[in-house]
Protein backbone atom coordinates (compact mmCIF):
# COMPACT_ATOMS: atom_id res chain seq x y z
CA UNK A 1 92.61 95.65 74.59
CA UNK A 2 91.86 93.13 77.49
CA UNK A 3 94.04 94.22 80.73
CA UNK A 4 96.96 92.07 81.04
CA UNK A 5 97.58 90.19 84.46
CA UNK A 6 100.69 88.13 85.18
CA UNK A 7 100.03 85.54 87.64
CA UNK A 8 103.42 84.34 89.50
CA UNK A 9 102.99 81.05 91.72
CA UNK A 10 105.05 77.89 91.91
CA UNK A 11 102.05 75.70 92.49
CA UNK A 12 100.53 74.70 89.09
CA UNK A 13 97.03 73.84 90.64
CA UNK A 14 96.67 77.40 91.98
CA UNK A 15 98.17 78.96 88.56
CA UNK A 16 95.35 77.10 86.59
CA UNK A 17 92.64 77.96 89.21
CA UNK A 18 93.48 81.78 89.25
CA UNK A 19 93.66 81.33 85.34
CA UNK A 20 90.11 79.90 85.02
CA UNK A 21 88.57 82.55 87.23
CA UNK A 22 90.34 85.54 85.30
CA UNK A 23 90.40 84.36 81.60
CA UNK A 24 87.09 85.46 80.69
CA UNK A 25 87.74 89.48 81.16
CA UNK A 26 91.42 89.52 81.33
CA UNK A 27 94.53 88.48 79.17
CA UNK A 28 96.29 86.05 81.79
CA UNK A 29 100.09 85.45 81.72
CA UNK A 30 101.24 82.54 84.03
CA UNK A 31 104.83 82.04 85.40
CA UNK A 32 106.15 79.60 88.10
CA UNK A 33 108.79 81.80 89.63
CA UNK A 34 109.89 85.26 90.52
CA UNK A 35 112.84 85.08 88.00
CA UNK A 36 110.25 84.32 85.17
CA UNK A 37 108.11 87.36 86.25
CA UNK A 38 111.03 89.55 86.15
CA UNK A 39 111.84 88.16 82.47
CA UNK A 40 108.26 88.80 81.49
CA UNK A 41 107.84 92.31 82.82
CA UNK A 42 110.64 93.00 80.72
CA UNK A 43 109.04 91.98 77.75
CA UNK A 44 105.35 92.54 78.10
CA UNK A 45 103.38 94.99 79.17
CA UNK A 46 101.58 93.96 82.50
CA UNK A 47 98.86 95.74 84.19
CA UNK A 48 98.57 94.09 87.25
CA UNK A 49 100.74 91.40 88.84
CA UNK A 50 99.36 88.77 91.41
CA UNK A 51 102.16 87.31 93.31
CA UNK A 52 102.52 84.20 95.75
CA UNK A 53 104.73 84.94 98.55
CA UNK A 54 106.03 81.68 99.43
CA UNK A 55 108.01 80.36 96.41
CA UNK A 56 111.54 78.47 96.11
CA UNK A 57 114.81 80.37 95.37
CA UNK A 58 113.22 83.86 94.88
CA UNK A 59 110.11 84.53 97.03
CA UNK A 60 107.47 86.75 96.48
CA UNK A 61 108.89 89.56 98.95
CA UNK A 62 112.42 89.44 97.26
CA UNK A 63 110.72 89.45 93.64
CA UNK A 64 108.70 92.36 94.54
CA UNK A 65 111.80 94.34 95.50
CA UNK A 66 113.24 93.75 91.73
CA UNK A 67 109.86 94.63 90.57
CA UNK A 68 109.54 97.92 92.47
CA UNK A 69 112.86 98.83 90.55
CA UNK A 70 111.41 98.61 86.99
CA UNK A 71 110.74 101.88 85.49
CA UNK A 72 107.10 101.23 85.05
CA UNK A 73 104.99 100.86 88.16
CA UNK A 74 102.82 97.79 88.22
CA UNK A 75 100.46 97.28 90.94
CA UNK A 76 100.95 93.94 92.90
CA UNK A 77 98.32 91.97 94.96
CA UNK A 78 99.98 89.40 97.15
CA UNK A 79 98.39 85.82 97.15
CA UNK A 80 99.55 84.09 100.34
CA UNK A 81 98.63 80.91 102.06
CA UNK A 82 101.19 81.93 104.89
CA UNK A 83 99.76 82.27 108.17
CA UNK A 84 102.52 84.95 108.90
CA UNK A 85 100.86 88.42 108.99
CA UNK A 86 104.53 89.82 109.17
CA UNK A 87 104.61 88.65 105.43
CA UNK A 88 101.49 90.56 104.48
CA UNK A 89 102.43 93.63 106.60
CA UNK A 90 105.82 93.67 105.05
CA UNK A 91 104.47 93.26 101.59
CA UNK A 92 101.92 96.30 101.98
CA UNK A 93 104.53 98.56 103.70
CA UNK A 94 106.67 97.95 100.44
CA UNK A 95 103.72 99.00 98.46
CA UNK A 96 101.82 96.15 97.54
CA UNK A 97 98.25 97.48 96.66
CA UNK A 98 96.49 94.54 98.42
CA UNK A 99 96.75 90.88 99.40
CA UNK A 100 94.45 88.00 99.05
CA UNK A 101 94.73 84.75 101.61
CA UNK A 102 94.64 81.31 99.86
CA UNK A 103 92.51 79.51 99.45
CA UNK A 104 90.16 82.36 98.21
CA UNK A 105 86.95 82.65 96.78
CA UNK A 106 86.58 83.52 92.99
CA UNK A 107 84.29 86.74 93.69
CA UNK A 108 86.86 88.23 96.16
CA UNK A 109 89.61 87.78 93.77
CA UNK A 110 87.61 89.30 90.61
CA UNK A 111 86.57 92.18 93.07
CA UNK A 112 90.21 93.06 94.11
CA UNK A 113 91.46 92.79 90.64
CA UNK A 114 88.73 94.88 89.03
CA UNK A 115 89.09 97.31 91.81
CA UNK A 116 92.96 97.85 91.05
CA UNK A 117 92.39 97.89 87.45
CA UNK A 118 89.78 100.62 87.46
CA UNK A 119 92.36 103.12 88.95
């Protein structure tokens, strides 16, 4: 069975691009908000989350705080277009396994995802 990746981003173009990169090797679920992400992890087995930082209503950092309360540990890689290094440092300090700055190269995304899923 393929590993399942949840991609959380409020930008549909980013969601579709990420799905195209990953779908040959992984089962990819796309959601557009932190609230949708939290609902999804309650209902689906997720092996890895790719989480955008800058989203309306509930940003990625807030969403991650709720994910950390979930009984099953799911590794999170943050995706960010933010130029604010504080966001990335906060995410890593909270327990994110990695981050990737958007726009990213497809091979770099695949490399970081594969690294986490091999653990």
